[in-house]
C-alpha atoms as a PDB file:
ATOM      1  CA  MET A   1      -1.550  29.099  46.127  1.00  0.00           C
ATOM      2  CA  SER A   2      -4.846  29.519  44.365  1.00  0.00           C
ATOM      3  CA  THR A   3      -8.254  29.185  45.928  1.00  0.00           C
ATOM      4  CA  ARG A   4     -11.098  27.366  44.288  1.00  0.00           C
ATOM      5  CA  LYS A   5     -14.614  28.755  44.233  1.00  0.00           C
ATOM      6  CA  HIS A   6     -17.259  26.076  44.626  1.00  0.00           C
ATOM      7  CA  GLY A   7     -20.339  28.194  44.082  1.00  0.00           C
ATOM      8  CA  GLU A   8     -23.629  27.074  45.554  1.00  0.00           C
ATOM      9  CA  VAL A   9     -23.520  23.544  46.979  1.00  0.00           C
ATOM     10  CA  TYR A  10     -26.690  21.691  47.929  1.00  0.00           C
ATOM     11  CA  SER A  11     -27.685  18.335  49.351  1.00  0.00           C
ATOM     12  CA  LEU A  12     -29.847  16.096  47.189  1.00  0.00           C
ATOM     13  CA  GLN A  13     -33.013  17.419  48.853  1.00  0.00           C
ATOM     14  CA  GLY A  14     -31.742  20.982  48.425  1.00  0.00           C
ATOM     15  CA  ILE A  15     -31.156  20.403  44.715  1.00  0.00           C
ATOM     16  CA  LEU A  16     -34.686  19.037  44.324  1.00  0.00           C
ATOM     17  CA  SER A  17     -36.170  22.037  46.168  1.00  0.00           C
ATOM     18  CA  ARG A  18     -34.148  24.578  44.179  1.00  0.00           C
ATOM     19  CA  ALA A  19     -34.935  22.810  40.897  1.00  0.00           C
ATOM     20  CA  ASN A  20     -38.665  22.922  41.682  1.00  0.00           C
ATOM     21  CA  GLU A  21     -38.379  26.653  42.443  1.00  0.00           C
ATOM     22  CA  GLU A  22     -36.742  27.105  39.027  1.00  0.00           C
ATOM     23  CA  GLN A  23     -39.546  25.009  37.450  1.00  0.00           C
ATOM     24  CA  ILE A  24     -37.236  22.083  36.701  1.00  0.00           C
ATOM     25  CA  TYR A  25     -39.233  19.036  37.722  1.00  0.00           C
ATOM     26  CA  ILE A  26     -37.000  15.993  38.115  1.00  0.00           C
ATOM     27  CA  SER A  27     -37.128  12.883  40.270  1.00  0.00           C
ATOM     28  CA  ARG A  28     -34.735  11.967  43.065  1.00  0.00           C
ATOM     29  CA  TYR A  29     -34.210   8.575  41.400  1.00  0.00           C
ATOM     30  CA  LEU A  30     -33.002  10.152  38.140  1.00  0.00           C
ATOM     31  CA  ILE A  31     -30.490  12.360  39.971  1.00  0.00           C
ATOM     32  CA  VAL A  32     -29.110   9.468  42.041  1.00  0.00           C
ATOM     33  CA  THR A  33     -28.853   7.297  38.922  1.00  0.00           C
ATOM     34  CA  ALA A  34     -26.925  10.056  37.122  1.00  0.00           C
ATOM     35  CA  ILE A  35     -24.561  10.430  40.089  1.00  0.00           C
ATOM     36  CA  LYS A  36     -23.900   6.690  40.302  1.00  0.00           C
ATOM     37  CA  SER A  37     -23.277   6.424  36.551  1.00  0.00           C
ATOM     38  CA  GLY A  38     -20.863   9.362  36.674  1.00  0.00           C
ATOM     39  CA  ASP A  39     -22.911  11.648  34.444  1.00  0.00           C
ATOM     40  CA  LEU A  40     -23.525  14.122  37.280  1.00  0.00           C
ATOM     41  CA  ILE A  41     -20.547  15.028  39.449  1.00  0.00           C
ATOM     42  CA  ALA A  42     -21.236  14.968  43.184  1.00  0.00           C
ATOM     43  CA  ARG A  43     -19.402  14.266  46.429  1.00  0.00           C
ATOM     44  CA  LYS A  44     -20.709  11.838  49.006  1.00  0.00           C
ATOM     45  CA  VAL A  45     -20.179  12.934  52.596  1.00  0.00           C
ATOM     46  CA  GLY A  46     -21.472  10.250  54.913  1.00  0.00           C
ATOM     47  CA  LYS A  47     -24.867   9.364  53.492  1.00  0.00           C
ATOM     48  CA  THR A  48     -25.397  12.760  51.882  1.00  0.00           C
ATOM     49  CA  TYR A  49     -24.627  13.730  48.290  1.00  0.00           C
ATOM     50  CA  LEU A  50     -23.334  17.283  47.812  1.00  0.00           C
ATOM     51  CA  ILE A  51     -23.976  18.741  44.371  1.00  0.00           C
ATOM     52  CA  GLN A  52     -22.910  22.071  42.886  1.00  0.00           C
ATOM     53  CA  TRP A  53     -25.818  23.981  41.356  1.00  0.00           C
ATOM     54  CA  GLU A  54     -23.784  24.925  38.253  1.00  0.00           C
ATOM     55  CA  LEU A  55     -22.888  21.295  37.567  1.00  0.00           C
ATOM     56  CA  PHE A  56     -26.504  20.240  38.062  1.00  0.00           C
ATOM     57  CA  LEU A  57     -27.744  22.883  35.619  1.00  0.00           C
ATOM     58  CA  SER A  58     -25.139  21.973  33.015  1.00  0.00           C
ATOM     59  CA  TRP A  59     -26.183  18.309  33.328  1.00  0.00           C
ATOM     60  CA  VAL A  60     -29.904  19.097  33.031  1.00  0.00           C
ATOM     61  CA  LEU A  61     -29.406  21.471  30.101  1.00  0.00           C
ATOM     62  CA  CYS A  62     -26.793  19.208  28.425  1.00  0.00           C
ATOM     63  CA  THR A  63     -24.244  22.008  28.212  1.00  0.00           C
ATOM     64  CA  PRO A  64     -20.522  21.644  28.876  1.00  0.00           C
ATOM     65  CA  VAL A  65     -19.071  23.008  32.092  1.00  0.00           C
ATOM     66  CA  VAL A  66     -17.081  26.182  31.396  1.00  0.00           C
ATOM     67  CA  GLU A  67     -13.893  26.653  33.418  1.00  0.00           C
ATOM     68  CA  ASP A  68     -13.079  30.066  34.842  1.00  0.00           C
ATOM     69  CA  GLU A  69     -10.954  32.171  32.507  1.00  0.00           C
ATOM     70  CA  GLU A  70      -8.315  32.622  35.217  1.00  0.00           C
ATOM     71  CA  GLU A  71      -7.823  28.869  35.564  1.00  0.00           C
ATOM     72  CA  SER A  72      -7.654  28.259  31.809  1.00  0.00           C
ATOM     73  CA  GLN A  73      -5.068  31.020  31.262  1.00  0.00           C
ATOM     74  CA  ASP A  74      -2.633  29.748  33.914  1.00  0.00           C
ATOM     75  CA  GLU A  75       0.487  28.504  32.167  1.00  0.00           C
END
């Protein structure tokens, strides 16, 4: 059985705070719209969205998400 590493996971407010620290200024509305349209992958737990920092960065920078080499080499 393999384990999956999720990296850093933040709430919507946490993503906004971290993005501002990294000098990425983005609105809450834009993030929620991207989540609802399916462009940004997130999980909704209760009323809270949980977003992985790596997925957020790849969405903001328009770069594809790179799978771990271990996962891609499993045959």
